[in-house]
């Protein structure tokens, strides 16, 4: 994975994956990957799964949130310590996805699998769930506000066009304010380019 300071893209999934099924010695493991943005959304998904699978032995999960992959959690839901949540989380790391929740529902089949068997089962079904999910790469952008007098509008628009920037908002009066979306790794260079024009005031929002 790229160093955090260098990363200006992240991977995520666009919609909930189909259910992936894995069986081992009578136990059934059902895995799914869900796109999520907040811990509240995660709780909603988990609540819904507990209602749908009220006879399941365990509903284990791991999630990762944030464009910089900064928030994460793994939960064993009563399985032996670190035998379920961490193997699922390991697959989130392996696939380098964020804003994603992977859930694995287990129906116990009467035979203990042992910690090694559980780790392998949860890892496998989490991998299957992410393999069936549609993973996309998104660009991290920052917003740069430009304030200037109307006379400089042509110059500002020329730079915006040359740099292929997206205008997020604009106010065109005697004094103008334009906010542009800039790819994170280009921000410093593009800000310096606008700052080099006398009369343009830049602010990172």
C-alpha atoms as a PDB file:
ATOM      1  CA  UNK A   1       0.000   0.000   0.000  1.00  0.00           C
ATOM      2  CA  UNK A   2       1.248   3.521  -0.746  1.00  0.00           C
ATOM      3  CA  UNK A   3       2.582   5.730   2.014  1.00  0.00           C
ATOM      4  CA  UNK A   4      -0.253   7.838   3.423  1.00  0.00           C
ATOM      5  CA  UNK A   5       1.394  11.149   2.479  1.00  0.00           C
ATOM      6  CA  UNK A   6       1.748  10.004  -1.145  1.00  0.00           C
ATOM      7  CA  UNK A   7      -1.640   8.370  -1.612  1.00  0.00           C
ATOM      8  CA  UNK A   8      -4.236  10.422  -3.455  1.00  0.00           C
ATOM      9  CA  UNK A   9      -6.473   7.547  -4.508  1.00  0.00           C
ATOM     10  CA  UNK A  10      -8.382   4.945  -2.559  1.00  0.00           C
ATOM     11  CA  UNK A  11     -10.264   1.757  -3.414  1.00  0.00           C
ATOM     12  CA  UNK A  12     -13.823   1.056  -2.367  1.00  0.00           C
ATOM     13  CA  UNK A  13     -16.846  -0.940  -3.496  1.00  0.00           C
ATOM     14  CA  UNK A  14     -19.933   0.422  -5.229  1.00  0.00           C
ATOM     15  CA  UNK A  15     -22.658  -1.912  -3.976  1.00  0.00           C
ATOM     16  CA  UNK A  16     -23.281  -4.855  -1.659  1.00  0.00           C
ATOM     17  CA  UNK A  17     -21.804  -8.057  -3.049  1.00  0.00           C
ATOM     18  CA  UNK A  18     -23.705 -11.258  -3.636  1.00  0.00           C
ATOM     19  CA  UNK A  19     -23.536 -13.747  -0.765  1.00  0.00           C
ATOM     20  CA  UNK A  20     -20.493 -16.045  -0.856  1.00  0.00           C
ATOM     21  CA  UNK A  21     -20.911 -19.479   0.714  1.00  0.00           C
ATOM     22  CA  UNK A  22     -18.148 -21.619   2.236  1.00  0.00           C
ATOM     23  CA  UNK A  23     -18.707 -24.930   4.056  1.00  0.00           C
ATOM     24  CA  UNK A  24     -16.384 -26.819   6.384  1.00  0.00           C
ATOM     25  CA  UNK A  25     -17.314 -29.940   8.374  1.00  0.00           C
ATOM     26  CA  UNK A  26     -20.977 -29.023   8.555  1.00  0.00           C
ATOM     27  CA  UNK A  27     -20.526 -25.355   9.399  1.00  0.00           C
ATOM     28  CA  UNK A  28     -21.824 -22.827   6.850  1.00  0.00           C
ATOM     29  CA  UNK A  29     -20.110 -19.451   6.411  1.00  0.00           C
ATOM     30  CA  UNK A  30     -21.921 -16.737   4.441  1.00  0.00           C
ATOM     31  CA  UNK A  31     -19.837 -13.709   3.489  1.00  0.00           C
ATOM     32  CA  UNK A  32     -20.796 -10.318   2.072  1.00  0.00           C
ATOM     33  CA  UNK A  33     -19.053  -7.014   1.411  1.00  0.00           C
ATOM     34  CA  UNK A  34     -21.071  -3.834   1.994  1.00  0.00           C
ATOM     35  CA  UNK A  35     -20.272  -0.222   0.985  1.00  0.00           C
ATOM     36  CA  UNK A  36     -20.484   2.011   4.096  1.00  0.00           C
ATOM     37  CA  UNK A  37     -19.476   5.581   4.961  1.00  0.00           C
ATOM     38  CA  UNK A  38     -20.206   5.890   8.676  1.00  0.00           C
ATOM     39  CA  UNK A  39     -20.356   3.766  11.812  1.00  0.00           C
ATOM     40  CA  UNK A  40     -24.114   4.433  11.873  1.00  0.00           C
ATOM     41  CA  UNK A  41     -24.470   2.759   8.467  1.00  0.00           C
ATOM     42  CA  UNK A  42     -22.419  -0.187   9.739  1.00  0.00           C
ATOM     43  CA  UNK A  43     -24.763  -0.592  12.732  1.00  0.00           C
ATOM     44  CA  UNK A  44     -27.779  -0.545  10.390  1.00  0.00           C
ATOM     45  CA  UNK A  45     -26.303  -3.350   8.248  1.00  0.00           C
ATOM     46  CA  UNK A  46     -25.412  -5.446  11.314  1.00  0.00           C
ATOM     47  CA  UNK A  47     -28.858  -4.941  12.884  1.00  0.00           C
ATOM     48  CA  UNK A  48     -30.518  -6.031   9.634  1.00  0.00           C
ATOM     49  CA  UNK A  49     -28.304  -9.148   9.396  1.00  0.00           C
ATOM     50  CA  UNK A  50     -29.052 -10.124  13.011  1.00  0.00           C
ATOM     51  CA  UNK A  51     -32.781  -9.886  12.215  1.00  0.00           C
ATOM     52  CA  UNK A  52     -32.455 -11.935   9.009  1.00  0.00           C
ATOM     53  CA  UNK A  53     -30.185 -14.563  10.574  1.00  0.00           C
ATOM     54  CA  UNK A  54     -31.501 -14.754  14.131  1.00  0.00           C
ATOM     55  CA  UNK A  55     -30.557 -18.456  14.332  1.00  0.00           C
ATOM     56  CA  UNK A  56     -26.932 -17.916  13.237  1.00  0.00           C
ATOM     57  CA  UNK A  57     -24.216 -18.964  15.694  1.00  0.00           C
ATOM     58  CA  UNK A  58     -22.010 -15.925  15.020  1.00  0.00           C
ATOM     59  CA  UNK A  59     -22.025 -12.798  12.877  1.00  0.00           C
ATOM     60  CA  UNK A  60     -18.388 -11.712  12.666  1.00  0.00           C
ATOM     61  CA  UNK A  61     -17.143  -8.690  10.773  1.00  0.00           C
ATOM     62  CA  UNK A  62     -14.438  -6.168  10.056  1.00  0.00           C
ATOM     63  CA  UNK A  63     -14.615  -2.732   8.524  1.00  0.00           C
ATOM     64  CA  UNK A  64     -12.386   0.059   7.308  1.00  0.00           C
ATOM     65  CA  UNK A  65     -13.455   3.689   6.865  1.00  0.00           C
ATOM     66  CA  UNK A  66     -11.889   6.915   5.636  1.00  0.00           C
ATOM     67  CA  UNK A  67     -10.144   8.003   2.446  1.00  0.00           C
ATOM     68  CA  UNK A  68      -6.843   7.528   4.255  1.00  0.00           C
ATOM     69  CA  UNK A  69      -7.930   4.131   5.648  1.00  0.00           C
ATOM     70  CA  UNK A  70      -7.681   5.657   9.133  1.00  0.00           C
ATOM     71  CA  UNK A  71     -10.615   3.976  10.944  1.00  0.00           C
ATOM     72  CA  UNK A  72     -11.050   0.213  11.296  1.00  0.00           C
ATOM     73  CA  UNK A  73     -12.404  -2.459  13.599  1.00  0.00           C
ATOM     74  CA  UNK A  74     -12.631  -6.259  13.766  1.00  0.00           C
ATOM     75  CA  UNK A  75     -15.119  -8.289  15.808  1.00  0.00           C
ATOM     76  CA  UNK A  76     -15.006 -12.024  16.646  1.00  0.00           C
ATOM     77  CA  UNK A  77     -18.613 -12.112  17.965  1.00  0.00           C
ATOM     78  CA  UNK A  78     -17.911 -14.883  20.457  1.00  0.00           C
ATOM     79  CA  UNK A  79     -15.534 -16.977  18.361  1.00  0.00           C
ATOM     80  CA  UNK A  80     -12.120 -17.695  19.969  1.00  0.00           C
ATOM     81  CA  UNK A  81     -10.009 -14.519  20.199  1.00  0.00           C
ATOM     82  CA  UNK A  82      -8.640 -13.261  16.854  1.00  0.00           C
ATOM     83  CA  UNK A  83      -9.983 -16.269  14.930  1.00  0.00           C
ATOM     84  CA  UNK A  84     -12.655 -14.384  12.945  1.00  0.00           C
ATOM     85  CA  UNK A  85     -12.502 -10.567  12.926  1.00  0.00           C
ATOM     86  CA  UNK A  86      -8.741 -10.191  12.233  1.00  0.00           C
ATOM     87  CA  UNK A  87      -8.705 -12.704   9.317  1.00  0.00           C
ATOM     88  CA  UNK A  88     -11.616 -10.759   7.767  1.00  0.00           C
ATOM     89  CA  UNK A  89      -9.780  -7.467   8.359  1.00  0.00           C
ATOM     90  CA  UNK A  90      -6.679  -8.969   6.775  1.00  0.00           C
ATOM     91  CA  UNK A  91      -8.629  -9.355   3.535  1.00  0.00           C
ATOM     92  CA  UNK A  92      -9.755  -5.716   3.649  1.00  0.00           C
ATOM     93  CA  UNK A  93      -6.064  -4.831   3.845  1.00  0.00           C
ATOM     94  CA  UNK A  94      -5.126  -7.308   1.131  1.00  0.00           C
ATOM     95  CA  UNK A  95      -7.688  -5.875  -1.294  1.00  0.00           C
ATOM     96  CA  UNK A  96      -6.792  -2.303  -0.112  1.00  0.00           C
ATOM     97  CA  UNK A  97     -10.442  -1.258   0.196  1.00  0.00           C
ATOM     98  CA  UNK A  98     -11.948   1.330   2.513  1.00  0.00           C
ATOM     99  CA  UNK A  99     -15.488   2.507   3.291  1.00  0.00           C
ATOM    100  CA  UNK A 100     -16.228  -1.215   3.288  1.00  0.00           C
ATOM    101  CA  UNK A 101     -17.747  -3.649   5.800  1.00  0.00           C
ATOM    102  CA  UNK A 102     -17.252  -7.400   5.372  1.00  0.00           C
ATOM    103  CA  UNK A 103     -19.608  -9.625   7.336  1.00  0.00           C
ATOM    104  CA  UNK A 104     -19.391 -13.403   7.790  1.00  0.00           C
ATOM    105  CA  UNK A 105     -22.394 -15.263   9.197  1.00  0.00           C
ATOM    106  CA  UNK A 106     -21.675 -18.702  10.651  1.00  0.00           C
ATOM    107  CA  UNK A 107     -24.151 -21.487  11.172  1.00  0.00           C
ATOM    108  CA  UNK A 108     -22.443 -24.035  13.421  1.00  0.00           C
ATOM    109  CA  UNK A 109     -22.486 -27.580  12.053  1.00  0.00           C
ATOM    110  CA  UNK A 110     -21.716 -29.572  15.190  1.00  0.00           C
ATOM    111  CA  UNK A 111     -17.968 -30.071  14.698  1.00  0.00           C
ATOM    112  CA  UNK A 112     -15.377 -27.748  16.226  1.00  0.00           C
ATOM    113  CA  UNK A 113     -12.973 -26.482  13.583  1.00  0.00           C
ATOM    114  CA  UNK A 114     -10.224 -25.357  15.957  1.00  0.00           C
ATOM    115  CA  UNK A 115      -8.651 -21.916  15.855  1.00  0.00           C
ATOM    116  CA  UNK A 116      -6.639 -22.729  12.725  1.00  0.00           C
ATOM    117  CA  UNK A 117      -9.720 -23.994  10.915  1.00  0.00           C
ATOM    118  CA  UNK A 118     -11.724 -20.941  11.913  1.00  0.00           C
ATOM    119  CA  UNK A 119      -9.015 -18.521  10.767  1.00  0.00           C
ATOM    120  CA  UNK A 120      -8.858 -20.284   7.388  1.00  0.00           C
ATOM    121  CA  UNK A 121     -12.662 -20.351   7.020  1.00  0.00           C
ATOM    122  CA  UNK A 122     -13.199 -16.668   7.872  1.00  0.00           C
ATOM    123  CA  UNK A 123     -10.270 -15.603   5.698  1.00  0.00           C
ATOM    124  CA  UNK A 124     -11.537 -17.657   2.746  1.00  0.00           C
ATOM    125  CA  UNK A 125     -15.122 -16.420   2.838  1.00  0.00           C
ATOM    126  CA  UNK A 126     -14.018 -12.784   3.310  1.00  0.00           C
ATOM    127  CA  UNK A 127     -11.764 -13.179   0.268  1.00  0.00           C
ATOM    128  CA  UNK A 128     -14.653 -14.658  -1.753  1.00  0.00           C
ATOM    129  CA  UNK A 129     -16.926 -11.768  -0.746  1.00  0.00           C
ATOM    130  CA  UNK A 130     -14.396  -9.149  -1.875  1.00  0.00           C
ATOM    131  CA  UNK A 131     -13.630 -11.035  -5.084  1.00  0.00           C
ATOM    132  CA  UNK A 132     -17.319 -10.849  -6.047  1.00  0.00           C
ATOM    133  CA  UNK A 133     -17.617  -7.151  -5.125  1.00  0.00           C
ATOM    134  CA  UNK A 134     -17.092  -4.430  -7.722  1.00  0.00           C
ATOM    135  CA  UNK A 135     -13.996  -2.529  -6.578  1.00  0.00           C
ATOM    136  CA  UNK A 136     -13.392   0.963  -7.948  1.00  0.00           C
ATOM    137  CA  UNK A 137     -10.532   3.444  -7.565  1.00  0.00           C
ATOM    138  CA  UNK A 138     -11.483   6.970  -6.481  1.00  0.00           C
ATOM    139  CA  UNK A 139      -9.307  10.074  -6.432  1.00  0.00           C
ATOM    140  CA  UNK A 140      -8.852  12.106  -3.256  1.00  0.00           C
ATOM    141  CA  UNK A 141      -9.412  15.796  -3.996  1.00  0.00           C
ATOM    142  CA  UNK A 142      -9.012  18.970  -1.989  1.00  0.00           C
ATOM    143  CA  UNK A 143     -10.944  22.212  -2.511  1.00  0.00           C
ATOM    144  CA  UNK A 144      -9.044  25.391  -3.315  1.00  0.00           C
ATOM    145  CA  UNK A 145     -10.858  28.708  -3.127  1.00  0.00           C
ATOM    146  CA  UNK A 146      -9.706  31.549  -5.384  1.00  0.00           C
ATOM    147  CA  UNK A 147     -10.657  35.180  -4.695  1.00  0.00           C
ATOM    148  CA  UNK A 148      -9.841  37.877  -7.252  1.00  0.00           C
ATOM    149  CA  UNK A 149     -11.141  40.953  -9.035  1.00  0.00           C
ATOM    150  CA  UNK A 150     -13.252  40.485 -12.156  1.00  0.00           C
ATOM    151  CA  UNK A 151     -10.413  41.752 -14.368  1.00  0.00           C
ATOM    152  CA  UNK A 152      -8.464  38.561 -13.605  1.00  0.00           C
ATOM    153  CA  UNK A 153     -11.288  36.205 -14.579  1.00  0.00           C
ATOM    154  CA  UNK A 154      -9.793  35.366 -17.972  1.00  0.00           C
ATOM    155  CA  UNK A 155      -6.427  34.462 -16.414  1.00  0.00           C
ATOM    156  CA  UNK A 156      -8.063  32.284 -13.741  1.00  0.00           C
ATOM    157  CA  UNK A 157     -10.233  30.450 -16.273  1.00  0.00           C
ATOM    158  CA  UNK A 158      -7.231  29.848 -18.544  1.00  0.00           C
ATOM    159  CA  UNK A 159      -5.307  28.153 -15.700  1.00  0.00           C
ATOM    160  CA  UNK A 160      -8.388  26.127 -14.713  1.00  0.00           C
ATOM    161  CA  UNK A 161      -8.724  24.917 -18.308  1.00  0.00           C
ATOM    162  CA  UNK A 162      -5.006  24.132 -18.692  1.00  0.00           C
ATOM    163  CA  UNK A 163      -4.959  22.146 -15.440  1.00  0.00           C
ATOM    164  CA  UNK A 164      -8.319  20.478 -16.259  1.00  0.00           C
ATOM    165  CA  UNK A 165      -9.736  21.416 -12.854  1.00  0.00           C
ATOM    166  CA  UNK A 166     -13.364  20.945 -11.842  1.00  0.00           C
ATOM    167  CA  UNK A 167     -15.213  24.050 -10.632  1.00  0.00           C
ATOM    168  CA  UNK A 168     -17.152  23.217  -7.454  1.00  0.00           C
ATOM    169  CA  UNK A 169     -18.752  26.654  -7.015  1.00  0.00           C
ATOM    170  CA  UNK A 170     -18.411  30.192  -8.327  1.00  0.00           C
ATOM    171  CA  UNK A 171     -19.621  33.721  -7.608  1.00  0.00           C
ATOM    172  CA  UNK A 172     -19.062  36.213 -10.389  1.00  0.00           C
ATOM    173  CA  UNK A 173     -19.472  39.820  -9.314  1.00  0.00           C
ATOM    174  CA  UNK A 174     -17.027  42.733  -9.048  1.00  0.00           C
ATOM    175  CA  UNK A 175     -15.067  40.509  -6.712  1.00  0.00           C
ATOM    176  CA  UNK A 176     -15.105  36.864  -7.773  1.00  0.00           C
ATOM    177  CA  UNK A 177     -14.842  33.690  -5.745  1.00  0.00           C
ATOM    178  CA  UNK A 178     -14.249  30.359  -7.483  1.00  0.00           C
ATOM    179  CA  UNK A 179     -13.749  27.031  -5.701  1.00  0.00           C
ATOM    180  CA  UNK A 180     -11.999  24.281  -7.653  1.00  0.00           C
ATOM    181  CA  UNK A 181     -11.454  20.594  -6.848  1.00  0.00           C
ATOM    182  CA  UNK A 182      -7.787  19.669  -7.084  1.00  0.00           C
ATOM    183  CA  UNK A 183      -6.238  16.226  -6.940  1.00  0.00           C
ATOM    184  CA  UNK A 184      -4.481  15.929  -3.573  1.00  0.00           C
ATOM    185  CA  UNK A 185      -0.980  15.347  -4.962  1.00  0.00           C
ATOM    186  CA  UNK A 186      -1.312  18.329  -7.353  1.00  0.00           C
ATOM    187  CA  UNK A 187      -2.575  20.759  -4.722  1.00  0.00           C
ATOM    188  CA  UNK A 188       0.702  22.409  -3.729  1.00  0.00           C
ATOM    189  CA  UNK A 189       1.850  22.941  -7.325  1.00  0.00           C
ATOM    190  CA  UNK A 190      -1.494  24.336  -8.503  1.00  0.00           C
ATOM    191  CA  UNK A 191      -1.838  26.620  -5.482  1.00  0.00           C
ATOM    192  CA  UNK A 192       1.631  28.009  -6.215  1.00  0.00           C
ATOM    193  CA  UNK A 193       0.619  28.615  -9.820  1.00  0.00           C
ATOM    194  CA  UNK A 194      -2.387  30.723  -8.781  1.00  0.00           C
ATOM    195  CA  UNK A 195      -0.366  32.453  -6.028  1.00  0.00           C
ATOM    196  CA  UNK A 196       2.144  33.543  -8.675  1.00  0.00           C
ATOM    197  CA  UNK A 197      -0.527  35.750 -10.274  1.00  0.00           C
ATOM    198  CA  UNK A 198      -0.715  39.108  -8.471  1.00  0.00           C
ATOM    199  CA  UNK A 199      -4.227  39.721  -7.168  1.00  0.00           C
ATOM    200  CA  UNK A 200      -5.349  36.106  -6.697  1.00  0.00           C
ATOM    201  CA  UNK A 201      -5.865  35.041  -3.074  1.00  0.00           C
ATOM    202  CA  UNK A 202      -5.944  31.267  -2.492  1.00  0.00           C
ATOM    203  CA  UNK A 203      -7.322  29.339   0.477  1.00  0.00           C
ATOM    204  CA  UNK A 204      -7.421  25.572   0.997  1.00  0.00           C
ATOM    205  CA  UNK A 205     -10.876  24.732   2.337  1.00  0.00           C
END
